[in-house]
């Protein structure tokens, strides 16, 4: 005798069928992140080179699958709802994990480098343990250290390091393999109370009204900033001077003055983003270039592989940690 079939569940007017988690695909998450970071569906479509209706459809699909609004469309730029904020955080991690997985699969067949010694400019430590883990996969015997740019230059010259990631191009040295890791713009770090009460937060206004919290002139970034101020014919009141981004930006957060810094230095400092007011640098642009540099073919392809790892993790880290209303800080970082 055939076994009777169980009755099909019926969904009343106040109930909705459960939706499978597989209804959310990575492309839809990528589109959602682009909408939040760019502030509109039109801008996201342009950024992703897709049509605006395709973006609208992807967002509508996400909201249907997750059963709730993810974007507040009454504001300009659009902002995520509370549910959208939760999704944004998870989506950034998922997309970063997928990029890392894809990279691991693509490079699985590459032979590891022999023993190699790498020196990193201090701001690269913003990439944290994932960078060290990724670099360890490149070599059988890896030694890594971090210091100021002048010390990296000397260690490479004395053959104490094989590859350095530095802000100095060392373009007068013959026989070097030199690859651009990234180019990042400088931004202004301003005390929150000052920014809240003053409309003029241009470089000239800051230089006239507040002490300048400086990077030491011994550092490459300190030299770059000082030359830029001289070109702009600005002589801000001399404030405090430090070697580290953490110390510089802690002083800004305490209201003791303003500073110029870069996205990587900001992340490396560990300062809470909301403890400081951030503004783009007005007037003539200023950027810092980071390079991966080593002696050509010592060992073969080392510089290129190290460059690729650092650039990939820098992009992923900035996308994950500088999101939402702070996304503009990393918007103009270039990885070429």
C-alpha atoms as a PDB file:
ATOM      1  CA  UNK A   1       0.000   0.000   0.000  1.00  0.00           C
ATOM      2  CA  UNK A   2       1.587   3.346  -0.993  1.00  0.00           C
ATOM      3  CA  UNK A   3       2.691   5.611   1.852  1.00  0.00           C
ATOM      4  CA  UNK A   4       0.598   8.814   2.031  1.00  0.00           C
ATOM      5  CA  UNK A   5       2.411  12.047   1.221  1.00  0.00           C
ATOM      6  CA  UNK A   6       2.731  14.626   4.020  1.00  0.00           C
ATOM      7  CA  UNK A   7       0.554  17.713   3.503  1.00  0.00           C
ATOM      8  CA  UNK A   8       2.228  20.746   1.981  1.00  0.00           C
ATOM      9  CA  UNK A   9       2.695  23.690   4.371  1.00  0.00           C
ATOM     10  CA  UNK A  10       0.347  26.574   3.800  1.00  0.00           C
ATOM     11  CA  UNK A  11       1.419  30.171   4.340  1.00  0.00           C
ATOM     12  CA  UNK A  12      -1.276  32.391   5.715  1.00  0.00           C
ATOM     13  CA  UNK A  13      -1.511  36.093   5.034  1.00  0.00           C
ATOM     14  CA  UNK A  14       0.644  36.944   8.061  1.00  0.00           C
ATOM     15  CA  UNK A  15       3.407  34.438   7.380  1.00  0.00           C
ATOM     16  CA  UNK A  16       6.250  34.277   4.852  1.00  0.00           C
ATOM     17  CA  UNK A  17       8.115  31.208   3.632  1.00  0.00           C
ATOM     18  CA  UNK A  18      11.666  30.793   4.917  1.00  0.00           C
ATOM     19  CA  UNK A  19      14.271  31.803   2.328  1.00  0.00           C
ATOM     20  CA  UNK A  20      17.481  29.920   1.745  1.00  0.00           C
ATOM     21  CA  UNK A  21      20.718  31.709   2.555  1.00  0.00           C
ATOM     22  CA  UNK A  22      21.918  30.782  -0.933  1.00  0.00           C
ATOM     23  CA  UNK A  23      19.611  33.491  -2.285  1.00  0.00           C
ATOM     24  CA  UNK A  24      22.356  36.031  -1.459  1.00  0.00           C
ATOM     25  CA  UNK A  25      25.148  35.947  -4.020  1.00  0.00           C
ATOM     26  CA  UNK A  26      28.541  37.627  -3.873  1.00  0.00           C
ATOM     27  CA  UNK A  27      27.852  39.882  -6.855  1.00  0.00           C
ATOM     28  CA  UNK A  28      24.790  41.314  -5.113  1.00  0.00           C
ATOM     29  CA  UNK A  29      26.899  41.962  -2.004  1.00  0.00           C
ATOM     30  CA  UNK A  30      29.539  43.687  -4.129  1.00  0.00           C
ATOM     31  CA  UNK A  31      26.840  45.926  -5.624  1.00  0.00           C
ATOM     32  CA  UNK A  32      25.402  46.712  -2.169  1.00  0.00           C
ATOM     33  CA  UNK A  33      28.854  47.726  -0.862  1.00  0.00           C
ATOM     34  CA  UNK A  34      29.411  49.927  -3.913  1.00  0.00           C
ATOM     35  CA  UNK A  35      26.069  51.706  -3.367  1.00  0.00           C
ATOM     36  CA  UNK A  36      26.868  52.436   0.294  1.00  0.00           C
ATOM     37  CA  UNK A  37      30.408  53.609  -0.437  1.00  0.00           C
ATOM     38  CA  UNK A  38      29.500  55.771  -3.433  1.00  0.00           C
ATOM     39  CA  UNK A  39      26.255  57.147  -1.949  1.00  0.00           C
ATOM     40  CA  UNK A  40      23.902  56.394  -4.842  1.00  0.00           C
ATOM     41  CA  UNK A  41      22.834  53.649  -7.214  1.00  0.00           C
ATOM     42  CA  UNK A  42      23.817  55.732 -10.219  1.00  0.00           C
ATOM     43  CA  UNK A  43      27.360  56.249  -8.907  1.00  0.00           C
ATOM     44  CA  UNK A  44      27.634  52.549  -8.005  1.00  0.00           C
ATOM     45  CA  UNK A  45      26.548  51.558 -11.517  1.00  0.00           C
ATOM     46  CA  UNK A  46      29.238  53.785 -13.016  1.00  0.00           C
ATOM     47  CA  UNK A  47      31.862  52.435 -10.623  1.00  0.00           C
ATOM     48  CA  UNK A  48      31.031  48.810 -11.461  1.00  0.00           C
ATOM     49  CA  UNK A  49      30.420  49.447 -15.189  1.00  0.00           C
ATOM     50  CA  UNK A  50      26.877  48.058 -15.077  1.00  0.00           C
ATOM     51  CA  UNK A  51      23.472  49.578 -15.769  1.00  0.00           C
ATOM     52  CA  UNK A  52      21.551  51.457 -13.084  1.00  0.00           C
ATOM     53  CA  UNK A  53      18.547  49.109 -13.409  1.00  0.00           C
ATOM     54  CA  UNK A  54      20.887  46.157 -12.739  1.00  0.00           C
ATOM     55  CA  UNK A  55      22.000  47.824  -9.500  1.00  0.00           C
ATOM     56  CA  UNK A  56      18.404  48.537  -8.451  1.00  0.00           C
ATOM     57  CA  UNK A  57      17.429  44.952  -9.199  1.00  0.00           C
ATOM     58  CA  UNK A  58      20.298  43.542  -7.142  1.00  0.00           C
ATOM     59  CA  UNK A  59      19.413  45.719  -4.133  1.00  0.00           C
ATOM     60  CA  UNK A  60      15.717  44.824  -4.429  1.00  0.00           C
ATOM     61  CA  UNK A  61      16.655  41.136  -4.573  1.00  0.00           C
ATOM     62  CA  UNK A  62      18.791  41.445  -1.433  1.00  0.00           C
ATOM     63  CA  UNK A  63      16.001  43.230   0.424  1.00  0.00           C
ATOM     64  CA  UNK A  64      13.524  40.557  -0.645  1.00  0.00           C
ATOM     65  CA  UNK A  65      15.780  37.683   0.412  1.00  0.00           C
ATOM     66  CA  UNK A  66      16.724  39.325   3.721  1.00  0.00           C
ATOM     67  CA  UNK A  67      13.147  40.504   4.265  1.00  0.00           C
ATOM     68  CA  UNK A  68      13.709  44.132   5.098  1.00  0.00           C
ATOM     69  CA  UNK A  69      15.000  47.495   3.831  1.00  0.00           C
ATOM     70  CA  UNK A  70      18.774  47.801   3.652  1.00  0.00           C
ATOM     71  CA  UNK A  71      19.034  51.398   2.400  1.00  0.00           C
ATOM     72  CA  UNK A  72      17.431  54.628   3.564  1.00  0.00           C
ATOM     73  CA  UNK A  73      16.447  56.140   0.234  1.00  0.00           C
ATOM     74  CA  UNK A  74      15.090  59.349   1.794  1.00  0.00           C
ATOM     75  CA  UNK A  75      18.597  60.730   2.360  1.00  0.00           C
ATOM     76  CA  UNK A  76      21.152  62.015  -0.114  1.00  0.00           C
ATOM     77  CA  UNK A  77      23.584  60.350  -0.218  1.00  0.00           C
ATOM     78  CA  UNK A  78      21.712  57.152   0.575  1.00  0.00           C
ATOM     79  CA  UNK A  79      22.728  55.522   3.839  1.00  0.00           C
ATOM     80  CA  UNK A  80      22.372  51.967   5.123  1.00  0.00           C
ATOM     81  CA  UNK A  81      19.624  51.169   7.598  1.00  0.00           C
ATOM     82  CA  UNK A  82      20.544  49.435  10.857  1.00  0.00           C
ATOM     83  CA  UNK A  83      20.123  46.099   9.067  1.00  0.00           C
ATOM     84  CA  UNK A  84      22.177  47.470   6.170  1.00  0.00           C
ATOM     85  CA  UNK A  85      25.040  48.381   8.527  1.00  0.00           C
ATOM     86  CA  UNK A  86      25.137  44.787   9.787  1.00  0.00           C
ATOM     87  CA  UNK A  87      25.095  43.481   6.212  1.00  0.00           C
ATOM     88  CA  UNK A  88      27.829  45.923   5.160  1.00  0.00           C
ATOM     89  CA  UNK A  89      30.213  44.680   7.841  1.00  0.00           C
ATOM     90  CA  UNK A  90      29.619  41.029   6.980  1.00  0.00           C
ATOM     91  CA  UNK A  91      29.733  41.690   3.239  1.00  0.00           C
ATOM     92  CA  UNK A  92      33.121  43.407   3.453  1.00  0.00           C
ATOM     93  CA  UNK A  93      34.548  40.425   5.322  1.00  0.00           C
ATOM     94  CA  UNK A  94      33.003  37.896   2.931  1.00  0.00           C
ATOM     95  CA  UNK A  95      34.269  39.703  -0.153  1.00  0.00           C
ATOM     96  CA  UNK A  96      37.753  40.035   1.342  1.00  0.00           C
ATOM     97  CA  UNK A  97      37.757  36.323   2.204  1.00  0.00           C
ATOM     98  CA  UNK A  98      36.713  35.437  -1.344  1.00  0.00           C
ATOM     99  CA  UNK A  99      39.488  37.561  -2.840  1.00  0.00           C
ATOM    100  CA  UNK A 100      41.997  35.934  -0.511  1.00  0.00           C
ATOM    101  CA  UNK A 101      40.691  32.473  -1.433  1.00  0.00           C
ATOM    102  CA  UNK A 102      40.923  33.244  -5.141  1.00  0.00           C
ATOM    103  CA  UNK A 103      44.472  34.521  -4.726  1.00  0.00           C
ATOM    104  CA  UNK A 104      45.501  31.441  -2.731  1.00  0.00           C
ATOM    105  CA  UNK A 105      44.149  29.121  -5.420  1.00  0.00           C
ATOM    106  CA  UNK A 106      45.797  31.103  -8.218  1.00  0.00           C
ATOM    107  CA  UNK A 107      49.201  31.050  -6.526  1.00  0.00           C
ATOM    108  CA  UNK A 108      49.022  27.512  -5.144  1.00  0.00           C
ATOM    109  CA  UNK A 109      51.289  26.210  -7.894  1.00  0.00           C
ATOM    110  CA  UNK A 110      54.050  28.786  -7.412  1.00  0.00           C
ATOM    111  CA  UNK A 111      57.229  27.521  -5.844  1.00  0.00           C
ATOM    112  CA  UNK A 112      58.192  29.183  -2.550  1.00  0.00           C
ATOM    113  CA  UNK A 113      61.091  31.585  -2.535  1.00  0.00           C
ATOM    114  CA  UNK A 114      64.257  30.632  -0.657  1.00  0.00           C
ATOM    115  CA  UNK A 115      65.180  32.444   2.531  1.00  0.00           C
ATOM    116  CA  UNK A 116      64.409  36.140   2.215  1.00  0.00           C
ATOM    117  CA  UNK A 117      64.705  39.169   4.487  1.00  0.00           C
ATOM    118  CA  UNK A 118      62.052  41.888   4.140  1.00  0.00           C
ATOM    119  CA  UNK A 119      61.990  45.378   5.631  1.00  0.00           C
ATOM    120  CA  UNK A 120      58.714  47.291   5.896  1.00  0.00           C
ATOM    121  CA  UNK A 121      58.066  50.988   6.379  1.00  0.00           C
ATOM    122  CA  UNK A 122      56.162  51.379   9.654  1.00  0.00           C
ATOM    123  CA  UNK A 123      52.777  52.272   8.153  1.00  0.00           C
ATOM    124  CA  UNK A 124      52.562  48.899   6.354  1.00  0.00           C
ATOM    125  CA  UNK A 125      52.077  47.265   9.749  1.00  0.00           C
ATOM    126  CA  UNK A 126      48.500  48.583   9.480  1.00  0.00           C
ATOM    127  CA  UNK A 127      47.829  45.436   7.449  1.00  0.00           C
ATOM    128  CA  UNK A 128      48.454  43.359  10.576  1.00  0.00           C
ATOM    129  CA  UNK A 129      48.874  39.617  10.933  1.00  0.00           C
ATOM    130  CA  UNK A 130      47.224  38.765   7.550  1.00  0.00           C
ATOM    131  CA  UNK A 131      50.177  40.407   5.801  1.00  0.00           C
ATOM    132  CA  UNK A 132      52.713  38.384   7.761  1.00  0.00           C
ATOM    133  CA  UNK A 133      50.809  35.152   7.135  1.00  0.00           C
ATOM    134  CA  UNK A 134      50.600  35.893   3.397  1.00  0.00           C
ATOM    135  CA  UNK A 135      54.303  36.733   3.176  1.00  0.00           C
ATOM    136  CA  UNK A 136      55.214  33.580   5.087  1.00  0.00           C
ATOM    137  CA  UNK A 137      53.568  31.560   2.332  1.00  0.00           C
ATOM    138  CA  UNK A 138      56.027  33.016  -0.180  1.00  0.00           C
ATOM    139  CA  UNK A 139      59.257  31.786   1.379  1.00  0.00           C
ATOM    140  CA  UNK A 140      60.720  28.759   3.121  1.00  0.00           C
ATOM    141  CA  UNK A 141      62.638  31.002   5.527  1.00  0.00           C
ATOM    142  CA  UNK A 142      61.272  34.514   6.034  1.00  0.00           C
ATOM    143  CA  UNK A 143      62.533  37.317   8.258  1.00  0.00           C
ATOM    144  CA  UNK A 144      60.525  40.543   8.536  1.00  0.00           C
ATOM    145  CA  UNK A 145      61.219  43.813  10.315  1.00  0.00           C
ATOM    146  CA  UNK A 146      59.714  47.317  10.348  1.00  0.00           C
ATOM    147  CA  UNK A 147      61.463  50.660  10.785  1.00  0.00           C
ATOM    148  CA  UNK A 148      61.784  54.193   9.398  1.00  0.00           C
ATOM    149  CA  UNK A 149      62.608  54.784   5.750  1.00  0.00           C
ATOM    150  CA  UNK A 150      66.251  55.935   6.244  1.00  0.00           C
ATOM    151  CA  UNK A 151      67.020  52.722   8.145  1.00  0.00           C
ATOM    152  CA  UNK A 152      65.473  50.614   5.369  1.00  0.00           C
ATOM    153  CA  UNK A 153      67.644  52.358   2.792  1.00  0.00           C
ATOM    154  CA  UNK A 154      70.805  51.680   4.788  1.00  0.00           C
ATOM    155  CA  UNK A 155      69.923  48.025   5.467  1.00  0.00           C
ATOM    156  CA  UNK A 156      69.292  47.382   1.755  1.00  0.00           C
ATOM    157  CA  UNK A 157      72.569  49.091   0.837  1.00  0.00           C
ATOM    158  CA  UNK A 158      74.475  46.969   3.349  1.00  0.00           C
ATOM    159  CA  UNK A 159      72.725  43.778   2.123  1.00  0.00           C
ATOM    160  CA  UNK A 160      71.108  43.194   5.495  1.00  0.00           C
ATOM    161  CA  UNK A 161      67.738  43.131   3.688  1.00  0.00           C
ATOM    162  CA  UNK A 162      66.782  41.579   0.340  1.00  0.00           C
ATOM    163  CA  UNK A 163      63.531  43.486  -0.321  1.00  0.00           C
ATOM    164  CA  UNK A 164      62.143  46.658   1.247  1.00  0.00           C
ATOM    165  CA  UNK A 165      58.683  48.239   1.079  1.00  0.00           C
ATOM    166  CA  UNK A 166      59.435  51.928   1.380  1.00  0.00           C
ATOM    167  CA  UNK A 167      58.340  55.426   0.380  1.00  0.00           C
ATOM    168  CA  UNK A 168      61.746  56.201  -1.184  1.00  0.00           C
ATOM    169  CA  UNK A 169      62.094  55.257  -4.877  1.00  0.00           C
ATOM    170  CA  UNK A 170      65.889  54.807  -4.620  1.00  0.00           C
ATOM    171  CA  UNK A 171      65.923  55.630  -8.324  1.00  0.00           C
ATOM    172  CA  UNK A 172      69.606  56.570  -8.395  1.00  0.00           C
ATOM    173  CA  UNK A 173      70.681  53.032  -7.514  1.00  0.00           C
ATOM    174  CA  UNK A 174      71.562  50.776 -10.472  1.00  0.00           C
ATOM    175  CA  UNK A 175      70.455  47.162 -10.713  1.00  0.00           C
ATOM    176  CA  UNK A 176      67.269  47.430  -8.626  1.00  0.00           C
ATOM    177  CA  UNK A 177      63.858  45.926  -9.338  1.00  0.00           C
ATOM    178  CA  UNK A 178      61.354  48.621  -8.357  1.00  0.00           C
ATOM    179  CA  UNK A 179      57.550  48.129  -8.314  1.00  0.00           C
ATOM    180  CA  UNK A 180      54.865  50.606  -7.235  1.00  0.00           C
ATOM    181  CA  UNK A 181      52.711  49.131  -4.448  1.00  0.00           C
ATOM    182  CA  UNK A 182      50.266  52.029  -4.084  1.00  0.00           C
ATOM    183  CA  UNK A 183      49.882  55.783  -4.272  1.00  0.00           C
ATOM    184  CA  UNK A 184      47.898  57.378  -1.423  1.00  0.00           C
ATOM    185  CA  UNK A 185      46.734  60.979  -0.957  1.00  0.00           C
ATOM    186  CA  UNK A 186      47.412  63.062   2.125  1.00  0.00           C
ATOM    187  CA  UNK A 187      44.430  64.121   4.244  1.00  0.00           C
ATOM    188  CA  UNK A 188      43.961  66.606   7.070  1.00  0.00           C
ATOM    189  CA  UNK A 189      43.413  65.454  10.657  1.00  0.00           C
ATOM    190  CA  UNK A 190      41.639  68.161  12.668  1.00  0.00           C
ATOM    191  CA  UNK A 191      40.484  68.336  16.311  1.00  0.00           C
ATOM    192  CA  UNK A 192      36.768  67.566  16.411  1.00  0.00           C
ATOM    193  CA  UNK A 193      35.838  70.594  18.540  1.00  0.00           C
ATOM    194  CA  UNK A 194      37.674  72.979  16.197  1.00  0.00           C
ATOM    195  CA  UNK A 195      36.039  71.453  13.102  1.00  0.00           C
ATOM    196  CA  UNK A 196      32.593  71.668  14.726  1.00  0.00           C
ATOM    197  CA  UNK A 197      32.892  75.375  15.506  1.00  0.00           C
ATOM    198  CA  UNK A 198      34.869  76.646  12.492  1.00  0.00           C
ATOM    199  CA  UNK A 199      33.708  76.533   8.894  1.00  0.00           C
ATOM    200  CA  UNK A 200      37.142  77.130   7.427  1.00  0.00           C
ATOM    201  CA  UNK A 201      39.227  73.980   7.729  1.00  0.00           C
ATOM    202  CA  UNK A 202      41.516  74.685   4.787  1.00  0.00           C
ATOM    203  CA  UNK A 203      45.242  74.101   5.151  1.00  0.00           C
ATOM    204  CA  UNK A 204      45.918  77.834   5.278  1.00  0.00           C
ATOM    205  CA  UNK A 205      43.336  78.383   8.033  1.00  0.00           C
ATOM    206  CA  UNK A 206      44.677  75.520  10.114  1.00  0.00           C
ATOM    207  CA  UNK A 207      48.245  76.750   9.680  1.00  0.00           C
ATOM    208  CA  UNK A 208      47.186  80.193  10.938  1.00  0.00           C
ATOM    209  CA  UNK A 209      45.094  79.137  13.923  1.00  0.00           C
ATOM    210  CA  UNK A 210      46.404  75.872  15.374  1.00  0.00           C
ATOM    211  CA  UNK A 211      49.743  74.263  16.212  1.00  0.00           C
ATOM    212  CA  UNK A 212      50.966  71.728  13.663  1.00  0.00           C
ATOM    213  CA  UNK A 213      51.540  68.243  15.105  1.00  0.00           C
ATOM    214  CA  UNK A 214      54.471  67.096  12.989  1.00  0.00           C
ATOM    215  CA  UNK A 215      56.102  63.915  11.898  1.00  0.00           C
ATOM    216  CA  UNK A 216      59.783  64.148  12.722  1.00  0.00           C
ATOM    217  CA  UNK A 217      61.964  65.583   9.967  1.00  0.00           C
ATOM    218  CA  UNK A 218      64.035  62.389  10.200  1.00  0.00           C
ATOM    219  CA  UNK A 219      61.143  60.487   8.608  1.00  0.00           C
ATOM    220  CA  UNK A 220      60.399  60.529   4.888  1.00  0.00           C
ATOM    221  CA  UNK A 221      56.762  61.534   5.479  1.00  0.00           C
ATOM    222  CA  UNK A 222      57.896  64.438   7.665  1.00  0.00           C
ATOM    223  CA  UNK A 223      60.175  65.717   4.890  1.00  0.00           C
ATOM    224  CA  UNK A 224      57.396  65.456   2.289  1.00  0.00           C
ATOM    225  CA  UNK A 225      54.955  67.433   4.466  1.00  0.00           C
ATOM    226  CA  UNK A 226      57.503  70.123   5.285  1.00  0.00           C
ATOM    227  CA  UNK A 227      58.343  70.628   1.595  1.00  0.00           C
ATOM    228  CA  UNK A 228      54.639  70.911   0.761  1.00  0.00           C
ATOM    229  CA  UNK A 229      54.100  73.567   3.426  1.00  0.00           C
ATOM    230  CA  UNK A 230      57.088  75.491   2.116  1.00  0.00           C
ATOM    231  CA  UNK A 231      55.694  75.379  -1.440  1.00  0.00           C
ATOM    232  CA  UNK A 232      52.395  76.732  -0.118  1.00  0.00           C
ATOM    233  CA  UNK A 233      54.363  79.421   1.795  1.00  0.00           C
ATOM    234  CA  UNK A 234      52.804  78.338   5.075  1.00  0.00           C
ATOM    235  CA  UNK A 235      54.561  78.474   8.444  1.00  0.00           C
ATOM    236  CA  UNK A 236      52.170  76.989  11.014  1.00  0.00           C
ATOM    237  CA  UNK A 237      52.895  77.418  14.714  1.00  0.00           C
ATOM    238  CA  UNK A 238      55.336  74.716  15.715  1.00  0.00           C
ATOM    239  CA  UNK A 239      53.673  72.170  17.958  1.00  0.00           C
ATOM    240  CA  UNK A 240      54.807  68.696  18.893  1.00  0.00           C
ATOM    241  CA  UNK A 241      56.914  66.333  16.776  1.00  0.00           C
ATOM    242  CA  UNK A 242      56.837  62.535  16.777  1.00  0.00           C
ATOM    243  CA  UNK A 243      58.204  59.523  14.920  1.00  0.00           C
ATOM    244  CA  UNK A 244      54.954  57.542  14.923  1.00  0.00           C
ATOM    245  CA  UNK A 245      51.506  58.065  13.424  1.00  0.00           C
ATOM    246  CA  UNK A 246      49.972  56.830  16.680  1.00  0.00           C
ATOM    247  CA  UNK A 247      51.550  59.668  18.653  1.00  0.00           C
ATOM    248  CA  UNK A 248      50.774  62.303  15.989  1.00  0.00           C
ATOM    249  CA  UNK A 249      47.093  61.414  15.712  1.00  0.00           C
ATOM    250  CA  UNK A 250      46.619  60.871  19.444  1.00  0.00           C
ATOM    251  CA  UNK A 251      47.668  64.503  19.926  1.00  0.00           C
ATOM    252  CA  UNK A 252      45.131  65.620  17.311  1.00  0.00           C
ATOM    253  CA  UNK A 253      42.412  63.575  19.041  1.00  0.00           C
ATOM    254  CA  UNK A 254      43.342  65.340  22.282  1.00  0.00           C
ATOM    255  CA  UNK A 255      42.782  68.716  20.604  1.00  0.00           C
ATOM    256  CA  UNK A 256      46.417  69.842  20.740  1.00  0.00           C
ATOM    257  CA  UNK A 257      46.750  70.668  17.046  1.00  0.00           C
ATOM    258  CA  UNK A 258      46.223  69.466  13.486  1.00  0.00           C
ATOM    259  CA  UNK A 259      48.224  67.133  11.269  1.00  0.00           C
ATOM    260  CA  UNK A 260      48.638  65.834   7.742  1.00  0.00           C
ATOM    261  CA  UNK A 261      48.669  62.088   7.238  1.00  0.00           C
ATOM    262  CA  UNK A 262      47.760  59.332   4.773  1.00  0.00           C
ATOM    263  CA  UNK A 263      45.150  56.529   4.828  1.00  0.00           C
ATOM    264  CA  UNK A 264      47.703  53.830   5.705  1.00  0.00           C
ATOM    265  CA  UNK A 265      49.262  55.944   8.443  1.00  0.00           C
ATOM    266  CA  UNK A 266      45.784  56.597   9.814  1.00  0.00           C
ATOM    267  CA  UNK A 267      45.014  52.873   9.994  1.00  0.00           C
ATOM    268  CA  UNK A 268      48.426  52.068  11.440  1.00  0.00           C
ATOM    269  CA  UNK A 269      47.955  54.641  14.214  1.00  0.00           C
ATOM    270  CA  UNK A 270      45.015  52.779  15.740  1.00  0.00           C
ATOM    271  CA  UNK A 271      43.229  56.060  16.507  1.00  0.00           C
ATOM    272  CA  UNK A 272      39.432  55.818  16.586  1.00  0.00           C
ATOM    273  CA  UNK A 273      38.108  57.295  13.348  1.00  0.00           C
ATOM    274  CA  UNK A 274      35.395  59.303  15.108  1.00  0.00           C
ATOM    275  CA  UNK A 275      37.840  60.853  17.589  1.00  0.00           C
ATOM    276  CA  UNK A 276      39.234  63.114  14.844  1.00  0.00           C
ATOM    277  CA  UNK A 277      37.629  65.206  12.096  1.00  0.00           C
ATOM    278  CA  UNK A 278      38.990  64.318   8.653  1.00  0.00           C
ATOM    279  CA  UNK A 279      39.080  66.568   5.592  1.00  0.00           C
ATOM    280  CA  UNK A 280      40.635  66.311   2.131  1.00  0.00           C
ATOM    281  CA  UNK A 281      43.750  68.342   1.510  1.00  0.00           C
ATOM    282  CA  UNK A 282      42.737  71.449  -0.410  1.00  0.00           C
ATOM    283  CA  UNK A 283      44.751  73.203  -3.080  1.00  0.00           C
ATOM    284  CA  UNK A 284      47.630  71.458  -4.830  1.00  0.00           C
ATOM    285  CA  UNK A 285      47.410  67.676  -4.384  1.00  0.00           C
ATOM    286  CA  UNK A 286      49.964  65.701  -2.419  1.00  0.00           C
ATOM    287  CA  UNK A 287      50.425  61.949  -2.372  1.00  0.00           C
ATOM    288  CA  UNK A 288      52.839  59.357  -1.057  1.00  0.00           C
ATOM    289  CA  UNK A 289      54.050  56.448  -3.166  1.00  0.00           C
ATOM    290  CA  UNK A 290      55.103  53.144  -1.642  1.00  0.00           C
ATOM    291  CA  UNK A 291      57.468  50.860  -3.545  1.00  0.00           C
ATOM    292  CA  UNK A 292      58.665  47.285  -3.261  1.00  0.00           C
ATOM    293  CA  UNK A 293      62.394  47.372  -4.068  1.00  0.00           C
ATOM    294  CA  UNK A 294      65.133  44.758  -4.177  1.00  0.00           C
ATOM    295  CA  UNK A 295      68.159  43.736  -6.211  1.00  0.00           C
ATOM    296  CA  UNK A 296      67.138  42.371  -9.584  1.00  0.00           C
ATOM    297  CA  UNK A 297      66.771  38.556  -9.547  1.00  0.00           C
ATOM    298  CA  UNK A 298      68.030  38.196  -5.973  1.00  0.00           C
ATOM    299  CA  UNK A 299      66.030  35.958  -5.677  1.00  0.00           C
ATOM    300  CA  UNK A 300      64.144  35.853  -8.998  1.00  0.00           C
ATOM    301  CA  UNK A 301      60.647  37.434  -9.006  1.00  0.00           C
ATOM    302  CA  UNK A 302      60.789  38.165  -5.261  1.00  0.00           C
ATOM    303  CA  UNK A 303      59.998  41.864  -5.617  1.00  0.00           C
ATOM    304  CA  UNK A 304      57.003  41.286  -7.893  1.00  0.00           C
ATOM    305  CA  UNK A 305      55.439  38.626  -5.682  1.00  0.00           C
ATOM    306  CA  UNK A 306      55.938  40.656  -2.511  1.00  0.00           C
ATOM    307  CA  UNK A 307      54.503  43.734  -4.226  1.00  0.00           C
ATOM    308  CA  UNK A 308      51.377  41.805  -5.266  1.00  0.00           C
ATOM    309  CA  UNK A 309      50.762  40.507  -1.734  1.00  0.00           C
ATOM    310  CA  UNK A 310      51.170  43.920  -0.077  1.00  0.00           C
ATOM    311  CA  UNK A 311      49.014  45.743  -2.664  1.00  0.00           C
ATOM    312  CA  UNK A 312      46.217  43.169  -2.442  1.00  0.00           C
ATOM    313  CA  UNK A 313      46.060  43.254   1.347  1.00  0.00           C
ATOM    314  CA  UNK A 314      46.293  47.062   1.415  1.00  0.00           C
ATOM    315  CA  UNK A 315      43.283  47.315  -0.878  1.00  0.00           C
ATOM    316  CA  UNK A 316      41.264  44.796   1.143  1.00  0.00           C
ATOM    317  CA  UNK A 317      42.172  46.374   4.489  1.00  0.00           C
ATOM    318  CA  UNK A 318      41.235  49.878   3.379  1.00  0.00           C
ATOM    319  CA  UNK A 319      37.942  48.714   1.905  1.00  0.00           C
ATOM    320  CA  UNK A 320      37.070  46.909   5.129  1.00  0.00           C
ATOM    321  CA  UNK A 321      38.179  49.529   7.649  1.00  0.00           C
ATOM    322  CA  UNK A 322      37.476  52.764   5.773  1.00  0.00           C
ATOM    323  CA  UNK A 323      33.869  52.213   4.798  1.00  0.00           C
ATOM    324  CA  UNK A 324      30.600  54.137   4.973  1.00  0.00           C
ATOM    325  CA  UNK A 325      31.102  57.858   5.560  1.00  0.00           C
ATOM    326  CA  UNK A 326      34.871  57.344   5.869  1.00  0.00           C
ATOM    327  CA  UNK A 327      35.171  55.566   2.524  1.00  0.00           C
ATOM    328  CA  UNK A 328      36.270  58.785   0.787  1.00  0.00           C
ATOM    329  CA  UNK A 329      39.568  58.715   2.690  1.00  0.00           C
ATOM    330  CA  UNK A 330      40.725  55.702   0.666  1.00  0.00           C
ATOM    331  CA  UNK A 331      38.749  56.465  -2.500  1.00  0.00           C
ATOM    332  CA  UNK A 332      41.711  57.983  -4.358  1.00  0.00           C
ATOM    333  CA  UNK A 333      44.311  55.389  -3.337  1.00  0.00           C
ATOM    334  CA  UNK A 334      45.738  53.865  -6.533  1.00  0.00           C
ATOM    335  CA  UNK A 335      47.276  50.418  -6.904  1.00  0.00           C
ATOM    336  CA  UNK A 336      49.229  50.592 -10.158  1.00  0.00           C
END
